[in-house]
Amino acid sequence: DSRITTRLHEVLSDVLVAPLDNLLTLLNQSLCIGPLRMVPDALRQPNPYPEQKDWFSGAAAWDVVSSLSRQHKAPALLAEINQWMGHFGLGYSLRAKSVLSKVV
């Protein structure tokens, strides 16, 4: 019967394709961080729009941290970063630093 065949295709599609769609969504939201981390030099200009490929080398992490001073949500993001760093138990945290210069 064509109705049974159509319904069977729908059920099999839901059972097989839906979990794969969910997995694809999770993979698209994840970040791949490579084993070798980039350490920026003093001349590096941060990218205001880091891309997925920048996370592998760690460049995007430096871009996000350097943009904290220009964001209104910086305290919340800084607290979230420090919370994640706290899970490793290394005793490190990030703090905002303001540089004020006095013109004489």
PDB file of N, CA and C in Angstrom:
ATOM      1  N   ASP A   1       0.851  -1.183   0.000  1.00  0.00           N
ATOM      2  CA  ASP A   1       0.000   0.000   0.000  1.00  0.00           C
ATOM      3  C   ASP A   1       0.896   1.246   0.000  1.00  0.00           C
ATOM      4  N   SER A   2       0.572   2.233  -0.809  1.00  0.00           N
ATOM      5  CA  SER A   2       1.410   3.437  -0.923  1.00  0.00           C
ATOM      6  C   SER A   2       1.341   4.293   0.341  1.00  0.00           C
ATOM      7  N   ARG A   3       0.185   4.276   1.034  1.00  0.00           N
ATOM      8  CA  ARG A   3       0.088   5.066   2.270  1.00  0.00           C
ATOM      9  C   ARG A   3       0.999   4.504   3.350  1.00  0.00           C
ATOM     10  N   ILE A   4       1.044   3.187   3.444  1.00  0.00           N
ATOM     11  CA  ILE A   4       1.924   2.550   4.438  1.00  0.00           C
ATOM     12  C   ILE A   4       3.383   2.799   4.082  1.00  0.00           C
ATOM     13  N   THR A   5       3.711   2.715   2.801  1.00  0.00           N
ATOM     14  CA  THR A   5       5.086   2.973   2.365  1.00  0.00           C
ATOM     15  C   THR A   5       5.485   4.416   2.656  1.00  0.00           C
ATOM     16  N   THR A   6       4.591   5.348   2.373  1.00  0.00           N
ATOM     17  CA  THR A   6       4.869   6.767   2.647  1.00  0.00           C
ATOM     18  C   THR A   6       5.059   6.992   4.142  1.00  0.00           C
ATOM     19  N   ARG A   7       4.189   6.407   4.948  1.00  0.00           N
ATOM     20  CA  ARG A   7       4.298   6.572   6.399  1.00  0.00           C
ATOM     21  C   ARG A   7       5.581   5.937   6.927  1.00  0.00           C
ATOM     22  N   LEU A   8       5.952   4.770   6.389  1.00  0.00           N
ATOM     23  CA  LEU A   8       7.187   4.098   6.782  1.00  0.00           C
ATOM     24  C   LEU A   8       8.404   4.954   6.450  1.00  0.00           C
ATOM     25  N   HIS A   9       8.404   5.594   5.283  1.00  0.00           N
ATOM     26  CA  HIS A   9       9.501   6.503   4.905  1.00  0.00           C
ATOM     27  C   HIS A   9       9.590   7.685   5.869  1.00  0.00           C
ATOM     28  N   GLU A  10       8.433   8.215   6.262  1.00  0.00           N
ATOM     29  CA  GLU A  10       8.426   9.341   7.197  1.00  0.00           C
ATOM     30  C   GLU A  10       8.999   8.929   8.557  1.00  0.00           C
ATOM     31  N   VAL A  11       8.578   7.775   9.037  1.00  0.00           N
ATOM     32  CA  VAL A  11       9.052   7.306  10.344  1.00  0.00           C
ATOM     33  C   VAL A  11      10.547   7.020  10.293  1.00  0.00           C
ATOM     34  N   LEU A  12      11.000   6.326   9.250  1.00  0.00           N
ATOM     35  CA  LEU A  12      12.427   6.038   9.128  1.00  0.00           C
ATOM     36  C   LEU A  12      13.241   7.314   8.980  1.00  0.00           C
ATOM     37  N   SER A  13      12.694   8.269   8.262  1.00  0.00           N
ATOM     38  CA  SER A  13      13.391   9.548   8.107  1.00  0.00           C
ATOM     39  C   SER A  13      13.532  10.244   9.457  1.00  0.00           C
ATOM     40  N   ASP A  14      12.442  10.246  10.241  1.00  0.00           N
ATOM     41  CA  ASP A  14      12.502  10.868  11.570  1.00  0.00           C
ATOM     42  C   ASP A  14      13.475  10.147  12.485  1.00  0.00           C
ATOM     43  N   VAL A  15      13.503   8.830  12.410  1.00  0.00           N
ATOM     44  CA  VAL A  15      14.363   8.043  13.291  1.00  0.00           C
ATOM     45  C   VAL A  15      15.826   8.164  12.898  1.00  0.00           C
ATOM     46  N   LEU A  16      16.120   8.208  11.603  1.00  0.00           N
ATOM     47  CA  LEU A  16      17.515   8.209  11.149  1.00  0.00           C
ATOM     48  C   LEU A  16      18.071   9.595  10.880  1.00  0.00           C
ATOM     49  N   VAL A  17      17.271  10.470  10.312  1.00  0.00           N
ATOM     50  CA  VAL A  17      17.784  11.773   9.889  1.00  0.00           C
ATOM     51  C   VAL A  17      17.769  12.793  11.025  1.00  0.00           C
ATOM     52  N   ALA A  18      16.753  12.780  11.863  1.00  0.00           N
ATOM     53  CA  ALA A  18      16.656  13.774  12.941  1.00  0.00           C
ATOM     54  C   ALA A  18      17.869  13.744  13.873  1.00  0.00           C
ATOM     55  N   PRO A  19      18.327  12.564  14.335  1.00  0.00           N
ATOM     56  CA  PRO A  19      19.531  12.571  15.187  1.00  0.00           C
ATOM     57  C   PRO A  19      20.766  13.095  14.459  1.00  0.00           C
ATOM     58  N   LEU A  20      20.868  12.804  13.169  1.00  0.00           N
ATOM     59  CA  LEU A  20      22.005  13.326  12.406  1.00  0.00           C
ATOM     60  C   LEU A  20      21.922  14.831  12.251  1.00  0.00           C
ATOM     61  N   ASP A  21      20.714  15.363  12.072  1.00  0.00           N
ATOM     62  CA  ASP A  21      20.546  16.817  12.020  1.00  0.00           C
ATOM     63  C   ASP A  21      20.932  17.452  13.349  1.00  0.00           C
ATOM     64  N   ASN A  22      20.542  16.808  14.455  1.00  0.00           N
ATOM     65  CA  ASN A  22      20.917  17.319  15.784  1.00  0.00           C
ATOM     66  C   ASN A  22      22.435  17.286  15.977  1.00  0.00           C
ATOM     67  N   LEU A  23      23.070  16.211  15.518  1.00  0.00           N
ATOM     68  CA  LEU A  23      24.523  16.111  15.615  1.00  0.00           C
ATOM     69  C   LEU A  23      25.198  17.192  14.776  1.00  0.00           C
ATOM     70  N   LEU A  24      24.688  17.431  13.573  1.00  0.00           N
ATOM     71  CA  LEU A  24      25.246  18.482  12.717  1.00  0.00           C
ATOM     72  C   LEU A  24      25.127  19.847  13.387  1.00  0.00           C
ATOM     73  N   THR A  25      24.010  20.117  14.021  1.00  0.00           N
ATOM     74  CA  THR A  25      23.824  21.381  14.735  1.00  0.00           C
ATOM     75  C   THR A  25      24.846  21.520  15.859  1.00  0.00           C
ATOM     76  N   LEU A  26      25.041  20.456  16.633  1.00  0.00           N
ATOM     77  CA  LEU A  26      26.032  20.493  17.718  1.00  0.00           C
ATOM     78  C   LEU A  26      27.445  20.697  17.184  1.00  0.00           C
ATOM     79  N   LEU A  27      27.782  20.027  16.092  1.00  0.00           N
ATOM     80  CA  LEU A  27      29.120  20.175  15.519  1.00  0.00           C
ATOM     81  C   LEU A  27      29.340  21.578  14.962  1.00  0.00           C
ATOM     82  N   ASN A  28      28.308  22.175  14.380  1.00  0.00           N
ATOM     83  CA  ASN A  28      28.436  23.536  13.861  1.00  0.00           C
ATOM     84  C   ASN A  28      28.598  24.555  14.975  1.00  0.00           C
ATOM     85  N   GLN A  29      28.078  24.242  16.162  1.00  0.00           N
ATOM     86  CA  GLN A  29      28.195  25.157  17.298  1.00  0.00           C
ATOM     87  C   GLN A  29      29.487  24.948  18.081  1.00  0.00           C
ATOM     88  N   SER A  30      30.191  23.864  17.832  1.00  0.00           N
ATOM     89  CA  SER A  30      31.406  23.572  18.590  1.00  0.00           C
ATOM     90  C   SER A  30      32.614  24.270  17.976  1.00  0.00           C
ATOM     91  N   LEU A  31      33.647  24.405  18.771  1.00  0.00           N
ATOM     92  CA  LEU A  31      34.886  25.021  18.327  1.00  0.00           C
ATOM     93  C   LEU A  31      36.001  24.006  18.437  1.00  0.00           C
ATOM     94  N   CYS A  32      36.776  23.901  17.390  1.00  0.00           N
ATOM     95  CA  CYS A  32      37.916  22.990  17.397  1.00  0.00           C
ATOM     96  C   CYS A  32      39.158  23.786  17.793  1.00  0.00           C
ATOM     97  N   ILE A  33      39.760  23.422  18.884  1.00  0.00           N
ATOM     98  CA  ILE A  33      40.952  24.113  19.360  1.00  0.00           C
ATOM     99  C   ILE A  33      42.130  23.168  19.173  1.00  0.00           C
ATOM    100  N   GLY A  34      43.100  23.615  18.433  1.00  0.00           N
ATOM    101  CA  GLY A  34      44.240  22.780  18.094  1.00  0.00           C
ATOM    102  C   GLY A  34      45.223  22.623  19.237  1.00  0.00           C
ATOM    103  N   PRO A  35      46.177  21.722  19.087  1.00  0.00           N
ATOM    104  CA  PRO A  35      47.134  21.439  20.155  1.00  0.00           C
ATOM    105  C   PRO A  35      48.216  22.507  20.294  1.00  0.00           C
ATOM    106  N   LEU A  36      48.513  23.226  19.242  1.00  0.00           N
ATOM    107  CA  LEU A  36      49.545  24.265  19.297  1.00  0.00           C
ATOM    108  C   LEU A  36      48.879  25.625  19.342  1.00  0.00           C
ATOM    109  N   ARG A  37      49.210  26.395  20.363  1.00  0.00           N
ATOM    110  CA  ARG A  37      48.567  27.681  20.579  1.00  0.00           C
ATOM    111  C   ARG A  37      49.437  28.811  20.076  1.00  0.00           C
ATOM    112  N   MET A  38      48.822  29.775  19.432  1.00  0.00           N
ATOM    113  CA  MET A  38      49.522  30.948  18.949  1.00  0.00           C
ATOM    114  C   MET A  38      49.725  31.930  20.114  1.00  0.00           C
ATOM    115  N   VAL A  39      50.911  32.473  20.222  1.00  0.00           N
ATOM    116  CA  VAL A  39      51.196  33.513  21.208  1.00  0.00           C
ATOM    117  C   VAL A  39      51.427  34.798  20.416  1.00  0.00           C
ATOM    118  N   PRO A  40      50.562  35.791  20.602  1.00  0.00           N
ATOM    119  CA  PRO A  40      50.672  37.005  19.782  1.00  0.00           C
ATOM    120  C   PRO A  40      51.891  37.839  20.175  1.00  0.00           C
ATOM    121  N   ASP A  41      52.430  38.521  19.183  1.00  0.00           N
ATOM    122  CA  ASP A  41      53.519  39.456  19.475  1.00  0.00           C
ATOM    123  C   ASP A  41      52.918  40.842  19.692  1.00  0.00           C
ATOM    124  N   ALA A  42      53.769  41.809  19.982  1.00  0.00           N
ATOM    125  CA  ALA A  42      53.296  43.157  20.310  1.00  0.00           C
ATOM    126  C   ALA A  42      52.689  43.871  19.106  1.00  0.00           C
ATOM    127  N   LEU A  43      52.994  43.445  17.893  1.00  0.00           N
ATOM    128  CA  LEU A  43      52.495  44.124  16.700  1.00  0.00           C
ATOM    129  C   LEU A  43      51.190  43.538  16.165  1.00  0.00           C
ATOM    130  N   ARG A  44      50.705  42.492  16.767  1.00  0.00           N
ATOM    131  CA  ARG A  44      49.502  41.832  16.250  1.00  0.00           C
ATOM    132  C   ARG A  44      48.280  42.717  16.429  1.00  0.00           C
ATOM    133  N   GLN A  45      47.538  42.866  15.347  1.00  0.00           N
ATOM    134  CA  GLN A  45      46.291  43.623  15.383  1.00  0.00           C
ATOM    135  C   GLN A  45      45.134  42.635  15.532  1.00  0.00           C
ATOM    136  N   PRO A  46      44.282  42.786  16.538  1.00  0.00           N
ATOM    137  CA  PRO A  46      43.183  41.846  16.716  1.00  0.00           C
ATOM    138  C   PRO A  46      42.158  41.943  15.592  1.00  0.00           C
ATOM    139  N   ASN A  47      41.604  40.810  15.228  1.00  0.00           N
ATOM    140  CA  ASN A  47      40.551  40.742  14.224  1.00  0.00           C
ATOM    141  C   ASN A  47      39.215  40.958  14.940  1.00  0.00           C
ATOM    142  N   PRO A  48      38.451  41.992  14.579  1.00  0.00           N
ATOM    143  CA  PRO A  48      37.185  42.232  15.270  1.00  0.00           C
ATOM    144  C   PRO A  48      36.120  41.183  14.935  1.00  0.00           C
ATOM    145  N   TYR A  49      36.348  40.411  13.870  1.00  0.00           N
ATOM    146  CA  TYR A  49      35.385  39.390  13.451  1.00  0.00           C
ATOM    147  C   TYR A  49      36.083  38.039  13.318  1.00  0.00           C
ATOM    148  N   PRO A  50      36.419  37.392  14.443  1.00  0.00           N
ATOM    149  CA  PRO A  50      37.111  36.101  14.354  1.00  0.00           C
ATOM    150  C   PRO A  50      36.232  35.066  13.659  1.00  0.00           C
ATOM    151  N   GLU A  51      36.889  34.184  12.899  1.00  0.00           N
ATOM    152  CA  GLU A  51      36.184  33.149  12.158  1.00  0.00           C
ATOM    153  C   GLU A  51      36.423  31.799  12.816  1.00  0.00           C
ATOM    154  N   GLN A  52      35.667  30.810  12.380  1.00  0.00           N
ATOM    155  CA  GLN A  52      35.786  29.455  12.920  1.00  0.00           C
ATOM    156  C   GLN A  52      37.216  28.942  12.783  1.00  0.00           C
ATOM    157  N   LYS A  53      37.849  29.195  11.639  1.00  0.00           N
ATOM    158  CA  LYS A  53      39.205  28.685  11.395  1.00  0.00           C
ATOM    159  C   LYS A  53      40.231  29.312  12.342  1.00  0.00           C
ATOM    160  N   ASP A  54      39.937  30.473  12.890  1.00  0.00           N
ATOM    161  CA  ASP A  54      40.872  31.145  13.793  1.00  0.00           C
ATOM    162  C   ASP A  54      40.941  30.498  15.176  1.00  0.00           C
ATOM    163  N   TRP A  55      39.954  29.674  15.511  1.00  0.00           N
ATOM    164  CA  TRP A  55      39.953  29.031  16.818  1.00  0.00           C
ATOM    165  C   TRP A  55      40.968  27.907  16.899  1.00  0.00           C
ATOM    166  N   PHE A  56      41.279  27.270  15.783  1.00  0.00           N
ATOM    167  CA  PHE A  56      42.191  26.129  15.822  1.00  0.00           C
ATOM    168  C   PHE A  56      43.571  26.528  16.332  1.00  0.00           C
ATOM    169  N   SER A  57      44.062  27.685  15.898  1.00  0.00           N
ATOM    170  CA  SER A  57      45.380  28.142  16.326  1.00  0.00           C
ATOM    171  C   SER A  57      45.328  28.925  17.646  1.00  0.00           C
ATOM    172  N   GLY A  58      44.129  29.306  18.068  1.00  0.00           N
ATOM    173  CA  GLY A  58      43.995  30.102  19.275  1.00  0.00           C
ATOM    174  C   GLY A  58      43.938  31.590  19.004  1.00  0.00           C
ATOM    175  N   ALA A  59      44.067  31.990  17.734  1.00  0.00           N
ATOM    176  CA  ALA A  59      44.053  33.416  17.400  1.00  0.00           C
ATOM    177  C   ALA A  59      42.720  34.063  17.779  1.00  0.00           C
ATOM    178  N   ALA A  60      41.628  33.344  17.590  1.00  0.00           N
ATOM    179  CA  ALA A  60      40.314  33.909  17.898  1.00  0.00           C
ATOM    180  C   ALA A  60      40.157  34.185  19.392  1.00  0.00           C
ATOM    181  N   ALA A  61      40.761  33.362  20.226  1.00  0.00           N
ATOM    182  CA  ALA A  61      40.679  33.592  21.672  1.00  0.00           C
ATOM    183  C   ALA A  61      41.325  34.929  22.030  1.00  0.00           C
ATOM    184  N   TRP A  62      42.478  35.214  21.426  1.00  0.00           N
ATOM    185  CA  TRP A  62      43.134  36.500  21.678  1.00  0.00           C
ATOM    186  C   TRP A  62      42.286  37.641  21.142  1.00  0.00           C
ATOM    187  N   ASP A  63      41.621  37.423  20.012  1.00  0.00           N
ATOM    188  CA  ASP A  63      40.756  38.461  19.441  1.00  0.00           C
ATOM    189  C   ASP A  63      39.584  38.758  20.372  1.00  0.00           C
ATOM    190  N   VAL A  64      38.975  37.719  20.935  1.00  0.00           N
ATOM    191  CA  VAL A  64      37.849  37.907  21.847  1.00  0.00           C
ATOM    192  C   VAL A  64      38.299  38.626  23.111  1.00  0.00           C
ATOM    193  N   VAL A  65      39.422  38.209  23.678  1.00  0.00           N
ATOM    194  CA  VAL A  65      39.921  38.848  24.904  1.00  0.00           C
ATOM    195  C   VAL A  65      40.278  40.309  24.642  1.00  0.00           C
ATOM    196  N   SER A  66      40.884  40.605  23.492  1.00  0.00           N
ATOM    197  CA  SER A  66      41.262  41.995  23.212  1.00  0.00           C
ATOM    198  C   SER A  66      40.048  42.869  22.941  1.00  0.00           C
ATOM    199  N   SER A  67      38.934  42.267  22.544  1.00  0.00           N
ATOM    200  CA  SER A  67      37.733  43.061  22.276  1.00  0.00           C
ATOM    201  C   SER A  67      36.919  43.338  23.534  1.00  0.00           C
ATOM    202  N   LEU A  68      37.309  42.758  24.665  1.00  0.00           N
ATOM    203  CA  LEU A  68      36.532  42.944  25.893  1.00  0.00           C
ATOM    204  C   LEU A  68      36.436  44.399  26.315  1.00  0.00           C
ATOM    205  N   SER A  69      37.464  45.164  26.061  1.00  0.00           N
ATOM    206  CA  SER A  69      37.443  46.564  26.491  1.00  0.00           C
ATOM    207  C   SER A  69      36.490  47.407  25.652  1.00  0.00           C
ATOM    208  N   ARG A  70      36.074  46.888  24.491  1.00  0.00           N
ATOM    209  CA  ARG A  70      35.191  47.657  23.616  1.00  0.00           C
ATOM    210  C   ARG A  70      33.746  47.185  23.676  1.00  0.00           C
ATOM    211  N   GLN A  71      33.440  46.235  24.537  1.00  0.00           N
ATOM    212  CA  GLN A  71      32.093  45.675  24.593  1.00  0.00           C
ATOM    213  C   GLN A  71      31.389  46.086  25.866  1.00  0.00           C
ATOM    214  N   HIS A  72      30.098  46.357  25.751  1.00  0.00           N
ATOM    215  CA  HIS A  72      29.318  46.690  26.939  1.00  0.00           C
ATOM    216  C   HIS A  72      29.031  45.457  27.786  1.00  0.00           C
ATOM    217  N   LYS A  73      29.107  44.263  27.189  1.00  0.00           N
ATOM    218  CA  LYS A  73      28.876  43.030  27.948  1.00  0.00           C
ATOM    219  C   LYS A  73      30.184  42.428  28.449  1.00  0.00           C
ATOM    220  N   ALA A  74      31.236  43.192  28.472  1.00  0.00           N
ATOM    221  CA  ALA A  74      32.563  42.703  28.851  1.00  0.00           C
ATOM    222  C   ALA A  74      32.610  42.098  30.254  1.00  0.00           C
ATOM    223  N   PRO A  75      32.016  42.714  31.281  1.00  0.00           N
ATOM    224  CA  PRO A  75      32.108  42.099  32.619  1.00  0.00           C
ATOM    225  C   PRO A  75      31.501  40.696  32.663  1.00  0.00           C
ATOM    226  N   ALA A  76      30.393  40.485  31.980  1.00  0.00           N
ATOM    227  CA  ALA A  76      29.749  39.163  31.983  1.00  0.00           C
ATOM    228  C   ALA A  76      30.608  38.149  31.230  1.00  0.00           C
ATOM    229  N   LEU A  77      31.165  38.555  30.099  1.00  0.00           N
ATOM    230  CA  LEU A  77      32.009  37.644  29.328  1.00  0.00           C
ATOM    231  C   LEU A  77      33.298  37.331  30.077  1.00  0.00           C
ATOM    232  N   LEU A  78      33.863  38.322  30.722  1.00  0.00           N
ATOM    233  CA  LEU A  78      35.071  38.113  31.515  1.00  0.00           C
ATOM    234  C   LEU A  78      34.796  37.156  32.674  1.00  0.00           C
ATOM    235  N   ALA A  79      33.648  37.303  33.317  1.00  0.00           N
ATOM    236  CA  ALA A  79      33.272  36.390  34.409  1.00  0.00           C
ATOM    237  C   ALA A  79      33.078  34.968  33.878  1.00  0.00           C
ATOM    238  N   GLU A  80      32.509  34.843  32.677  1.00  0.00           N
ATOM    239  CA  GLU A  80      32.314  33.507  32.093  1.00  0.00           C
ATOM    240  C   GLU A  80      33.651  32.858  31.747  1.00  0.00           C
ATOM    241  N   ILE A  81      34.567  33.640  31.195  1.00  0.00           N
ATOM    242  CA  ILE A  81      35.907  33.119  30.878  1.00  0.00           C
ATOM    243  C   ILE A  81      36.609  32.672  32.154  1.00  0.00           C
ATOM    244  N   ASN A  82      36.534  33.493  33.197  1.00  0.00           N
ATOM    245  CA  ASN A  82      37.182  33.142  34.468  1.00  0.00           C
ATOM    246  C   ASN A  82      36.547  31.911  35.110  1.00  0.00           C
ATOM    247  N   GLN A  83      35.235  31.757  34.941  1.00  0.00           N
ATOM    248  CA  GLN A  83      34.586  30.565  35.471  1.00  0.00           C
ATOM    249  C   GLN A  83      35.123  29.314  34.777  1.00  0.00           C
ATOM    250  N   TRP A  84      35.276  29.372  33.457  1.00  0.00           N
ATOM    251  CA  TRP A  84      35.829  28.229  32.729  1.00  0.00           C
ATOM    252  C   TRP A  84      37.282  27.974  33.123  1.00  0.00           C
ATOM    253  N   MET A  85      38.052  29.039  33.297  1.00  0.00           N
ATOM    254  CA  MET A  85      39.444  28.871  33.694  1.00  0.00           C
ATOM    255  C   MET A  85      39.544  28.278  35.099  1.00  0.00           C
ATOM    256  N   GLY A  86      38.560  28.573  35.937  1.00  0.00           N
ATOM    257  CA  GLY A  86      38.553  28.041  37.290  1.00  0.00           C
ATOM    258  C   GLY A  86      38.386  26.522  37.339  1.00  0.00           C
ATOM    259  N   HIS A  87      37.780  25.958  36.306  1.00  0.00           N
ATOM    260  CA  HIS A  87      37.592  24.504  36.267  1.00  0.00           C
ATOM    261  C   HIS A  87      38.921  23.760  36.187  1.00  0.00           C
ATOM    262  N   PHE A  88      39.948  24.407  35.693  1.00  0.00           N
ATOM    263  CA  PHE A  88      41.246  23.751  35.544  1.00  0.00           C
ATOM    264  C   PHE A  88      42.079  23.814  36.816  1.00  0.00           C
ATOM    265  N   GLY A  89      41.690  24.649  37.768  1.00  0.00           N
ATOM    266  CA  GLY A  89      42.369  24.710  39.058  1.00  0.00           C
ATOM    267  C   GLY A  89      43.800  25.210  38.989  1.00  0.00           C
ATOM    268  N   LEU A  90      44.109  26.073  38.033  1.00  0.00           N
ATOM    269  CA  LEU A  90      45.482  26.563  37.887  1.00  0.00           C
ATOM    270  C   LEU A  90      45.735  27.861  38.648  1.00  0.00           C
ATOM    271  N   GLY A  91      44.678  28.493  39.123  1.00  0.00           N
ATOM    272  CA  GLY A  91      44.850  29.736  39.870  1.00  0.00           C
ATOM    273  C   GLY A  91      44.990  30.974  39.001  1.00  0.00           C
ATOM    274  N   TYR A  92      44.673  30.851  37.714  1.00  0.00           N
ATOM    275  CA  TYR A  92      44.761  31.998  36.811  1.00  0.00           C
ATOM    276  C   TYR A  92      43.383  32.597  36.577  1.00  0.00           C
ATOM    277  N   SER A  93      43.346  33.885  36.291  1.00  0.00           N
ATOM    278  CA  SER A  93      42.109  34.548  35.899  1.00  0.00           C
ATOM    279  C   SER A  93      42.476  35.779  35.075  1.00  0.00           C
ATOM    280  N   LEU A  94      41.503  36.270  34.338  1.00  0.00           N
ATOM    281  CA  LEU A  94      41.695  37.490  33.557  1.00  0.00           C
ATOM    282  C   LEU A  94      41.086  38.653  34.315  1.00  0.00           C
ATOM    283  N   ARG A  95      41.734  39.787  34.223  1.00  0.00           N
ATOM    284  CA  ARG A  95      41.220  40.996  34.867  1.00  0.00           C
ATOM    285  C   ARG A  95      41.311  42.140  33.872  1.00  0.00           C
ATOM    286  N   ALA A  96      40.343  43.029  33.962  1.00  0.00           N
ATOM    287  CA  ALA A  96      40.345  44.212  33.095  1.00  0.00           C
ATOM    288  C   ALA A  96      41.379  45.210  33.606  1.00  0.00           C
ATOM    289  N   LYS A  97      42.093  45.815  32.696  1.00  0.00           N
ATOM    290  CA  LYS A  97      43.112  46.778  33.072  1.00  0.00           C
ATOM    291  C   LYS A  97      42.853  48.044  32.283  1.00  0.00           C
ATOM    292  N   SER A  98      42.795  49.153  32.981  1.00  0.00           N
ATOM    293  CA  SER A  98      42.624  50.452  32.336  1.00  0.00           C
ATOM    294  C   SER A  98      43.926  51.211  32.417  1.00  0.00           C
ATOM    295  N   VAL A  99      44.342  51.733  31.305  1.00  0.00           N
ATOM    296  CA  VAL A  99      45.570  52.506  31.263  1.00  0.00           C
ATOM    297  C   VAL A  99      45.201  53.969  31.088  1.00  0.00           C
ATOM    298  N   LEU A 100      45.571  54.761  32.067  1.00  0.00           N
ATOM    299  CA  LEU A 100      45.334  56.181  32.014  1.00  0.00           C
ATOM    300  C   LEU A 100      46.665  56.887  31.852  1.00  0.00           C
ATOM    301  N   SER A 101      46.718  57.765  30.919  1.00  0.00           N
ATOM    302  CA  SER A 101      47.968  58.504  30.741  1.00  0.00           C
ATOM    303  C   SER A 101      47.748  59.951  31.115  1.00  0.00           C
ATOM    304  N   LYS A 102      48.758  60.512  31.685  1.00  0.00           N
ATOM    305  CA  LYS A 102      48.686  61.900  32.109  1.00  0.00           C
ATOM    306  C   LYS A 102      49.562  62.715  31.178  1.00  0.00           C
ATOM    307  N   VAL A 103      48.952  63.674  30.527  1.00  0.00           N
ATOM    308  CA  VAL A 103      49.683  64.545  29.609  1.00  0.00           C
ATOM    309  C   VAL A 103      50.184  65.735  30.404  1.00  0.00           C
ATOM    310  N   VAL A 104      51.470  65.964  30.310  1.00  0.00           N
ATOM    311  CA  VAL A 104      52.060  67.057  31.092  1.00  0.00           C
ATOM    312  C   VAL A 104      52.236  68.264  30.201  1.00  0.00           C
TER     313      VAL A 104
END
